[in-house]
Structures are given as C-alpha cells and as structure tokens.
C-alpha cells in the first residue's frame, strides 16, 4: 500500500495532489488517515478485509502488534462511524463509491484516546467503541 505522510493542516490542495500522485486504479480506493496530528494518504484495494485493513493501519501508524486501536470513518453527514467488522468496512466502501467521494476519510485512535471517546459516548448513551485487537 503506497502512502504519503503530510502534517495536519497542510492544506486541502496538497492532500488532493498527494492522492493523485499515488495513482488510482479501478480496484483501489484513496484513503486519508488522520492519526496523531498527521494525515497519511494511502491507497487500498476496495476488496480489502477488515483484518487486512487493521494490518495496514498498524503498519502506517507504527503500532505494536498487541496495541488495540479504533478505526472511524467520516460519513456523508460528517458523522464518525466505527469500523470494527467486515460488514462495517464494506458499508463504508459502498457509501464511498455511491457518493463518488474522492477519498475515504478515516481517523485512528489508539487505546488511551479510544477510552476518552468511549467515556464521552457512554455519558451520552451511545454504543461503545470497539477496537482492533491482535489475534
């Protein structure tokens, strides 16, 4: 999976140029991943499994193998939606394609951040946040 790391706040024009430099094939999706103050532009196969996505995220964010983390994508209403299963990933990719989005935007949170999000959502009565775990 080719990638390019950009600092957060580097400008939308730069992000779009970075995505085009990675090359888009019909079977690839451009992914804009926000993690730890950085924006990482990558491409993934649109048939990627949830386990393969977790592996790729673990590599680009340099997580240890046993570090749990949360993956969220931003839907067309700018709401964060957790990806924790193949079905949720397929739905994110389906909506990405249906809306002709230029990139799939995801945010990655490691455990400490995820617990903060979890506690904020719990107070609002929302469902819990699930995390990728090493098998």
N, C-alpha and C. Protein backbone atom coordinates (compact mmCIF):
# COMPACT_ATOMS: atom_id res chain seq x y z
N UNK A 1 0.85 -1.16 0.00
CA UNK A 1 0.00 0.00 0.00
C UNK A 1 0.89 1.22 0.00
N UNK A 2 0.95 1.99 -1.10
CA UNK A 2 1.76 3.19 -1.12
C UNK A 2 1.17 4.24 -0.20
N UNK A 3 2.00 5.08 0.40
CA UNK A 3 1.49 6.11 1.29
C UNK A 3 2.35 7.34 1.23
N UNK A 4 1.76 8.44 1.65
CA UNK A 4 2.47 9.70 1.77
C UNK A 4 1.99 10.34 3.04
N UNK A 5 2.91 10.81 3.90
CA UNK A 5 2.57 11.41 5.17
C UNK A 5 2.65 12.92 5.03
N UNK A 6 1.60 13.59 5.45
CA UNK A 6 1.54 15.05 5.44
C UNK A 6 1.19 15.51 6.84
N UNK A 7 1.73 16.63 7.28
CA UNK A 7 1.36 17.18 8.57
C UNK A 7 -0.06 17.70 8.50
N UNK A 8 -0.79 17.58 9.60
CA UNK A 8 -2.15 18.08 9.68
C UNK A 8 -2.13 19.58 9.43
N UNK A 9 -3.10 20.08 8.68
CA UNK A 9 -3.17 21.50 8.40
C UNK A 9 -2.31 21.92 7.23
N UNK A 10 -1.87 20.98 6.40
CA UNK A 10 -1.01 21.32 5.28
C UNK A 10 -1.77 21.82 4.06
N UNK A 11 -3.10 21.85 4.14
CA UNK A 11 -3.89 22.41 3.04
C UNK A 11 -4.55 21.34 2.20
N UNK A 12 -5.81 21.57 1.85
CA UNK A 12 -6.58 20.58 1.09
C UNK A 12 -6.00 20.37 -0.29
N UNK A 13 -5.50 21.43 -0.92
CA UNK A 13 -4.92 21.28 -2.25
C UNK A 13 -3.76 20.30 -2.24
N UNK A 14 -2.92 20.38 -1.24
CA UNK A 14 -1.79 19.45 -1.13
C UNK A 14 -2.26 18.02 -0.94
N UNK A 15 -3.34 17.82 -0.18
CA UNK A 15 -3.85 16.48 0.05
C UNK A 15 -4.39 15.88 -1.23
N UNK A 16 -5.10 16.67 -2.01
CA UNK A 16 -5.63 16.16 -3.27
C UNK A 16 -4.51 15.83 -4.24
N UNK A 17 -3.47 16.67 -4.29
CA UNK A 17 -2.32 16.38 -5.15
C UNK A 17 -1.61 15.12 -4.71
N UNK A 18 -1.45 14.93 -3.39
CA UNK A 18 -0.79 13.73 -2.87
C UNK A 18 -1.56 12.49 -3.27
N UNK A 19 -2.88 12.56 -3.18
CA UNK A 19 -3.70 11.40 -3.55
C UNK A 19 -3.54 11.06 -5.03
N UNK A 20 -3.47 12.08 -5.87
CA UNK A 20 -3.34 11.80 -7.30
C UNK A 20 -1.96 11.24 -7.63
N UNK A 21 -0.93 11.59 -6.86
CA UNK A 21 0.41 11.07 -7.09
C UNK A 21 0.50 9.57 -6.80
N UNK A 22 -0.37 9.06 -5.93
CA UNK A 22 -0.32 7.65 -5.56
C UNK A 22 -0.86 6.75 -6.65
N UNK A 23 -1.60 7.31 -7.56
CA UNK A 23 -2.14 6.51 -8.67
C UNK A 23 -3.42 5.82 -8.26
N UNK A 24 -4.42 5.99 -9.05
CA UNK A 24 -5.71 5.37 -8.76
C UNK A 24 -6.03 4.36 -9.84
N UNK A 25 -6.19 3.11 -9.46
CA UNK A 25 -6.65 2.09 -10.39
C UNK A 25 -8.11 1.81 -10.06
N UNK A 26 -8.84 1.16 -10.94
CA UNK A 26 -10.26 0.91 -10.70
C UNK A 26 -10.52 0.09 -9.43
N UNK A 27 -9.55 -0.69 -9.00
CA UNK A 27 -9.74 -1.53 -7.82
C UNK A 27 -9.20 -0.90 -6.54
N UNK A 28 -8.72 0.34 -6.62
CA UNK A 28 -8.13 0.99 -5.46
C UNK A 28 -8.98 2.15 -4.96
N UNK A 29 -8.87 2.39 -3.68
CA UNK A 29 -9.54 3.50 -3.01
C UNK A 29 -8.46 4.34 -2.37
N UNK A 30 -8.57 5.65 -2.52
CA UNK A 30 -7.66 6.56 -1.82
C UNK A 30 -8.20 6.75 -0.41
N UNK A 31 -7.32 6.56 0.57
CA UNK A 31 -7.70 6.69 1.97
C UNK A 31 -6.88 7.81 2.61
N UNK A 32 -7.58 8.72 3.27
CA UNK A 32 -6.94 9.79 4.01
C UNK A 32 -7.08 9.42 5.49
N UNK A 33 -5.96 9.06 6.11
CA UNK A 33 -5.97 8.61 7.51
C UNK A 33 -5.41 9.70 8.40
N UNK A 34 -6.17 10.09 9.40
CA UNK A 34 -5.72 11.08 10.39
C UNK A 34 -5.32 10.33 11.65
N UNK A 35 -4.07 10.54 12.06
CA UNK A 35 -3.57 9.91 13.29
C UNK A 35 -2.46 10.76 13.89
N UNK A 36 -2.58 11.07 15.16
CA UNK A 36 -1.51 11.70 15.93
C UNK A 36 -1.01 13.00 15.27
N UNK A 37 -1.92 13.82 14.77
CA UNK A 37 -1.55 15.09 14.18
C UNK A 37 -1.01 15.00 12.77
N UNK A 38 -1.05 13.83 12.17
CA UNK A 38 -0.58 13.66 10.80
C UNK A 38 -1.72 13.18 9.93
N UNK A 39 -1.62 13.51 8.65
CA UNK A 39 -2.53 12.99 7.64
C UNK A 39 -1.71 12.06 6.76
N UNK A 40 -2.16 10.83 6.62
CA UNK A 40 -1.45 9.84 5.82
C UNK A 40 -2.36 9.45 4.66
N UNK A 41 -1.90 9.71 3.45
CA UNK A 41 -2.66 9.38 2.25
C UNK A 41 -2.15 8.03 1.73
N UNK A 42 -3.08 7.08 1.58
CA UNK A 42 -2.71 5.75 1.11
C UNK A 42 -3.75 5.28 0.09
N UNK A 43 -3.46 4.19 -0.55
CA UNK A 43 -4.45 3.52 -1.37
C UNK A 43 -4.62 2.10 -0.86
N UNK A 44 -5.85 1.62 -0.92
CA UNK A 44 -6.13 0.24 -0.53
C UNK A 44 -6.96 -0.41 -1.64
N UNK A 45 -6.93 -1.71 -1.69
CA UNK A 45 -7.78 -2.46 -2.60
C UNK A 45 -9.21 -2.36 -2.08
N UNK A 46 -10.18 -2.13 -2.96
CA UNK A 46 -11.56 -1.97 -2.48
C UNK A 46 -12.15 -3.26 -1.96
N UNK A 47 -11.48 -4.38 -2.17
CA UNK A 47 -11.94 -5.66 -1.62
C UNK A 47 -11.18 -6.07 -0.37
N UNK A 48 -10.53 -5.12 0.28
CA UNK A 48 -9.73 -5.40 1.48
C UNK A 48 -10.65 -5.91 2.60
N UNK A 49 -10.13 -6.82 3.40
CA UNK A 49 -10.90 -7.31 4.55
C UNK A 49 -10.59 -6.42 5.76
N UNK A 50 -11.43 -6.54 6.77
CA UNK A 50 -11.22 -5.78 8.00
C UNK A 50 -9.87 -6.13 8.63
N UNK A 51 -9.52 -7.40 8.63
CA UNK A 51 -8.25 -7.83 9.21
C UNK A 51 -7.07 -7.24 8.43
N UNK A 52 -7.18 -7.22 7.10
CA UNK A 52 -6.11 -6.63 6.27
C UNK A 52 -6.01 -5.13 6.51
N UNK A 53 -7.16 -4.46 6.66
CA UNK A 53 -7.14 -3.02 6.95
C UNK A 53 -6.46 -2.76 8.29
N UNK A 54 -6.78 -3.56 9.30
CA UNK A 54 -6.13 -3.40 10.61
C UNK A 54 -4.62 -3.58 10.48
N UNK A 55 -4.19 -4.55 9.70
CA UNK A 55 -2.76 -4.79 9.47
C UNK A 55 -2.12 -3.55 8.83
N UNK A 56 -2.77 -3.00 7.80
CA UNK A 56 -2.24 -1.82 7.11
C UNK A 56 -2.18 -0.62 8.05
N UNK A 57 -3.24 -0.40 8.81
CA UNK A 57 -3.28 0.72 9.76
C UNK A 57 -2.19 0.56 10.80
N UNK A 58 -2.02 -0.67 11.29
CA UNK A 58 -0.98 -0.94 12.28
C UNK A 58 0.40 -0.58 11.72
N UNK A 59 0.63 -0.88 10.45
CA UNK A 59 1.91 -0.56 9.82
C UNK A 59 2.11 0.93 9.61
N UNK A 60 1.12 1.61 9.05
CA UNK A 60 1.32 3.03 8.76
C UNK A 60 1.34 3.89 10.02
N UNK A 61 0.66 3.45 11.09
CA UNK A 61 0.68 4.20 12.35
C UNK A 61 1.77 3.70 13.29
N UNK A 62 2.47 2.63 12.89
CA UNK A 62 3.57 2.04 13.65
C UNK A 62 3.15 1.59 15.06
N UNK A 63 1.99 0.93 15.11
CA UNK A 63 1.52 0.37 16.37
C UNK A 63 2.21 -0.95 16.64
N UNK A 64 2.52 -1.26 17.91
CA UNK A 64 3.00 -2.60 18.24
C UNK A 64 1.88 -3.61 17.94
N UNK A 65 2.25 -4.85 17.75
CA UNK A 65 1.30 -5.89 17.36
C UNK A 65 0.17 -6.07 18.38
N UNK A 66 0.45 -5.80 19.66
CA UNK A 66 -0.57 -6.01 20.69
C UNK A 66 -1.32 -4.73 21.07
N UNK A 67 -1.10 -3.63 20.34
CA UNK A 67 -1.74 -2.35 20.66
C UNK A 67 -3.15 -2.28 20.06
N UNK A 68 -4.19 -2.25 20.91
CA UNK A 68 -5.54 -2.09 20.36
C UNK A 68 -5.75 -0.64 19.88
N UNK A 69 -6.57 -0.48 18.86
CA UNK A 69 -6.88 0.86 18.36
C UNK A 69 -8.27 0.85 17.74
N UNK A 70 -8.79 2.04 17.49
CA UNK A 70 -10.12 2.21 16.93
C UNK A 70 -10.01 2.87 15.57
N UNK A 71 -10.79 2.39 14.61
CA UNK A 71 -10.86 2.99 13.28
C UNK A 71 -12.25 3.58 13.12
N UNK A 72 -12.30 4.85 12.74
CA UNK A 72 -13.56 5.51 12.44
C UNK A 72 -13.47 6.12 11.06
N UNK A 73 -14.56 6.09 10.32
CA UNK A 73 -14.61 6.78 9.05
C UNK A 73 -15.66 7.87 9.16
N UNK A 74 -15.56 8.88 8.31
CA UNK A 74 -16.46 10.02 8.35
C UNK A 74 -17.46 9.87 7.20
N UNK A 75 -18.75 9.80 7.55
CA UNK A 75 -19.78 9.59 6.53
C UNK A 75 -20.15 10.90 5.84
N UNK A 76 -21.14 10.82 4.93
CA UNK A 76 -21.52 12.00 4.13
C UNK A 76 -22.13 13.11 4.96
N UNK A 77 -22.55 12.83 6.18
CA UNK A 77 -23.08 13.86 7.09
C UNK A 77 -22.02 14.31 8.09
N UNK A 78 -20.75 13.93 7.84
CA UNK A 78 -19.61 14.25 8.71
C UNK A 78 -19.73 13.63 10.10
N UNK A 79 -20.45 12.52 10.20
CA UNK A 79 -20.55 11.80 11.46
C UNK A 79 -19.48 10.72 11.50
N UNK A 80 -18.79 10.55 12.65
CA UNK A 80 -17.81 9.46 12.76
C UNK A 80 -18.53 8.12 12.95
N UNK A 81 -18.13 7.13 12.18
CA UNK A 81 -18.72 5.79 12.25
C UNK A 81 -17.60 4.78 12.47
N UNK A 82 -17.75 3.94 13.45
CA UNK A 82 -16.73 2.95 13.78
C UNK A 82 -16.70 1.84 12.74
N UNK A 83 -15.49 1.44 12.37
CA UNK A 83 -15.29 0.25 11.54
C UNK A 83 -14.68 -0.81 12.45
N UNK A 84 -15.45 -1.84 12.76
CA UNK A 84 -14.95 -2.90 13.64
C UNK A 84 -15.25 -4.29 13.10
N UNK A 85 -15.87 -4.36 11.92
CA UNK A 85 -16.20 -5.65 11.30
C UNK A 85 -16.06 -5.52 9.79
N UNK A 86 -16.04 -6.65 9.10
CA UNK A 86 -16.04 -6.65 7.65
C UNK A 86 -17.29 -5.96 7.11
N UNK A 87 -18.43 -6.21 7.73
CA UNK A 87 -19.68 -5.63 7.26
C UNK A 87 -19.63 -4.09 7.34
N UNK A 88 -19.09 -3.54 8.42
CA UNK A 88 -18.98 -2.08 8.55
C UNK A 88 -17.99 -1.51 7.54
N UNK A 89 -16.92 -2.23 7.26
CA UNK A 89 -15.95 -1.79 6.25
C UNK A 89 -16.58 -1.81 4.86
N UNK A 90 -17.30 -2.87 4.54
CA UNK A 90 -17.98 -2.97 3.24
C UNK A 90 -18.98 -1.82 3.07
N UNK A 91 -19.70 -1.49 4.14
CA UNK A 91 -20.65 -0.38 4.08
C UNK A 91 -19.94 0.95 3.86
N UNK A 92 -18.82 1.17 4.52
CA UNK A 92 -18.04 2.41 4.33
C UNK A 92 -17.58 2.52 2.88
N UNK A 93 -17.09 1.43 2.32
CA UNK A 93 -16.62 1.44 0.93
C UNK A 93 -17.79 1.61 -0.04
N UNK A 94 -18.92 0.97 0.25
CA UNK A 94 -20.11 1.10 -0.60
C UNK A 94 -20.57 2.57 -0.67
N UNK A 95 -20.63 3.23 0.49
CA UNK A 95 -21.06 4.63 0.51
C UNK A 95 -20.03 5.54 -0.13
N UNK A 96 -18.74 5.22 0.05
CA UNK A 96 -17.67 5.96 -0.62
C UNK A 96 -17.89 5.93 -2.13
N UNK A 97 -18.17 4.76 -2.67
CA UNK A 97 -18.38 4.61 -4.11
C UNK A 97 -19.70 5.23 -4.56
N UNK A 98 -20.75 5.04 -3.79
CA UNK A 98 -22.06 5.55 -4.14
C UNK A 98 -22.07 7.09 -4.21
N UNK A 99 -21.32 7.72 -3.30
CA UNK A 99 -21.28 9.18 -3.23
C UNK A 99 -20.19 9.79 -4.11
N UNK A 100 -19.46 8.94 -4.84
CA UNK A 100 -18.36 9.38 -5.70
C UNK A 100 -17.36 10.26 -4.94
N UNK A 101 -17.08 9.87 -3.70
CA UNK A 101 -16.12 10.61 -2.89
C UNK A 101 -14.72 10.45 -3.48
N UNK A 102 -13.89 11.48 -3.31
CA UNK A 102 -12.53 11.41 -3.83
C UNK A 102 -11.62 10.58 -2.92
N UNK A 103 -12.01 10.44 -1.65
CA UNK A 103 -11.21 9.64 -0.71
C UNK A 103 -12.08 9.19 0.45
N UNK A 104 -11.68 8.10 1.04
CA UNK A 104 -12.32 7.61 2.26
C UNK A 104 -11.54 8.20 3.42
N UNK A 105 -12.21 8.96 4.27
CA UNK A 105 -11.54 9.63 5.39
C UNK A 105 -11.70 8.78 6.64
N UNK A 106 -10.57 8.39 7.23
CA UNK A 106 -10.61 7.63 8.48
C UNK A 106 -9.75 8.30 9.54
N UNK A 107 -10.17 8.10 10.78
CA UNK A 107 -9.43 8.58 11.95
C UNK A 107 -9.06 7.37 12.78
N UNK A 108 -7.83 7.34 13.23
CA UNK A 108 -7.33 6.21 14.03
C UNK A 108 -7.02 6.73 15.42
N UNK A 109 -7.52 6.02 16.42
CA UNK A 109 -7.26 6.36 17.82
C UNK A 109 -6.67 5.15 18.51
N UNK A 110 -5.55 5.31 19.21
CA UNK A 110 -5.02 4.20 19.98
C UNK A 110 -5.73 4.15 21.32
N UNK A 111 -5.50 3.14 22.12
CA UNK A 111 -6.30 2.83 23.30
C UNK A 111 -6.57 4.02 24.22
N UNK A 112 -5.56 4.77 24.59
CA UNK A 112 -5.77 5.87 25.54
C UNK A 112 -6.78 6.86 24.98
N UNK A 113 -6.66 7.22 23.70
CA UNK A 113 -7.62 8.13 23.07
C UNK A 113 -8.99 7.47 22.95
N UNK A 114 -8.99 6.19 22.64
CA UNK A 114 -10.26 5.48 22.46
C UNK A 114 -11.04 5.45 23.76
N UNK A 115 -10.37 5.31 24.91
CA UNK A 115 -11.09 5.30 26.18
C UNK A 115 -11.70 6.66 26.47
N UNK A 116 -11.06 7.74 26.06
CA UNK A 116 -11.63 9.07 26.23
C UNK A 116 -12.90 9.18 25.39
N UNK A 117 -12.83 8.74 24.13
CA UNK A 117 -14.01 8.76 23.26
C UNK A 117 -15.10 7.88 23.85
N UNK A 118 -14.73 6.69 24.32
CA UNK A 118 -15.70 5.77 24.91
C UNK A 118 -16.41 6.41 26.09
N UNK A 119 -15.66 7.06 26.99
CA UNK A 119 -16.29 7.65 28.16
C UNK A 119 -17.21 8.81 27.76
N UNK A 120 -16.84 9.59 26.74
CA UNK A 120 -17.70 10.68 26.29
C UNK A 120 -18.97 10.13 25.68
N UNK A 121 -18.87 9.05 24.88
CA UNK A 121 -20.05 8.47 24.26
C UNK A 121 -20.94 7.78 25.30
N UNK A 122 -20.34 7.18 26.31
CA UNK A 122 -21.12 6.49 27.33
C UNK A 122 -22.00 7.47 28.08
N UNK A 123 -21.48 8.66 28.34
CA UNK A 123 -22.28 9.66 29.04
C UNK A 123 -23.47 10.11 28.21
N UNK A 124 -23.37 10.02 26.88
CA UNK A 124 -24.47 10.42 26.00
C UNK A 124 -25.39 9.26 25.69
N UNK A 125 -25.11 8.08 26.21
CA UNK A 125 -25.94 6.91 25.95
C UNK A 125 -25.69 6.26 24.61
N UNK A 126 -24.53 6.53 24.00
CA UNK A 126 -24.20 5.94 22.70
C UNK A 126 -23.62 4.55 22.88
N UNK A 127 -23.56 3.82 21.79
CA UNK A 127 -23.00 2.48 21.84
C UNK A 127 -21.49 2.54 22.07
N UNK A 128 -20.89 1.49 22.62
CA UNK A 128 -19.46 1.50 22.91
C UNK A 128 -18.59 1.50 21.66
N UNK A 129 -17.34 1.89 21.84
CA UNK A 129 -16.36 1.92 20.76
C UNK A 129 -15.60 0.59 20.79
N UNK A 130 -15.49 -0.07 19.63
CA UNK A 130 -14.75 -1.32 19.53
C UNK A 130 -13.37 -1.05 18.97
N UNK A 131 -12.42 -1.91 19.28
CA UNK A 131 -11.04 -1.70 18.88
C UNK A 131 -10.50 -2.89 18.13
N UNK A 132 -9.56 -2.62 17.20
CA UNK A 132 -8.83 -3.72 16.55
C UNK A 132 -7.94 -4.37 17.59
N UNK A 133 -7.86 -5.66 17.60
CA UNK A 133 -7.00 -6.37 18.53
C UNK A 133 -6.19 -7.40 17.77
N UNK A 134 -4.99 -7.61 18.22
CA UNK A 134 -4.14 -8.66 17.62
C UNK A 134 -4.71 -10.02 18.00
N UNK A 135 -4.77 -10.91 17.06
CA UNK A 135 -5.30 -12.26 17.33
C UNK A 135 -4.18 -13.17 17.77
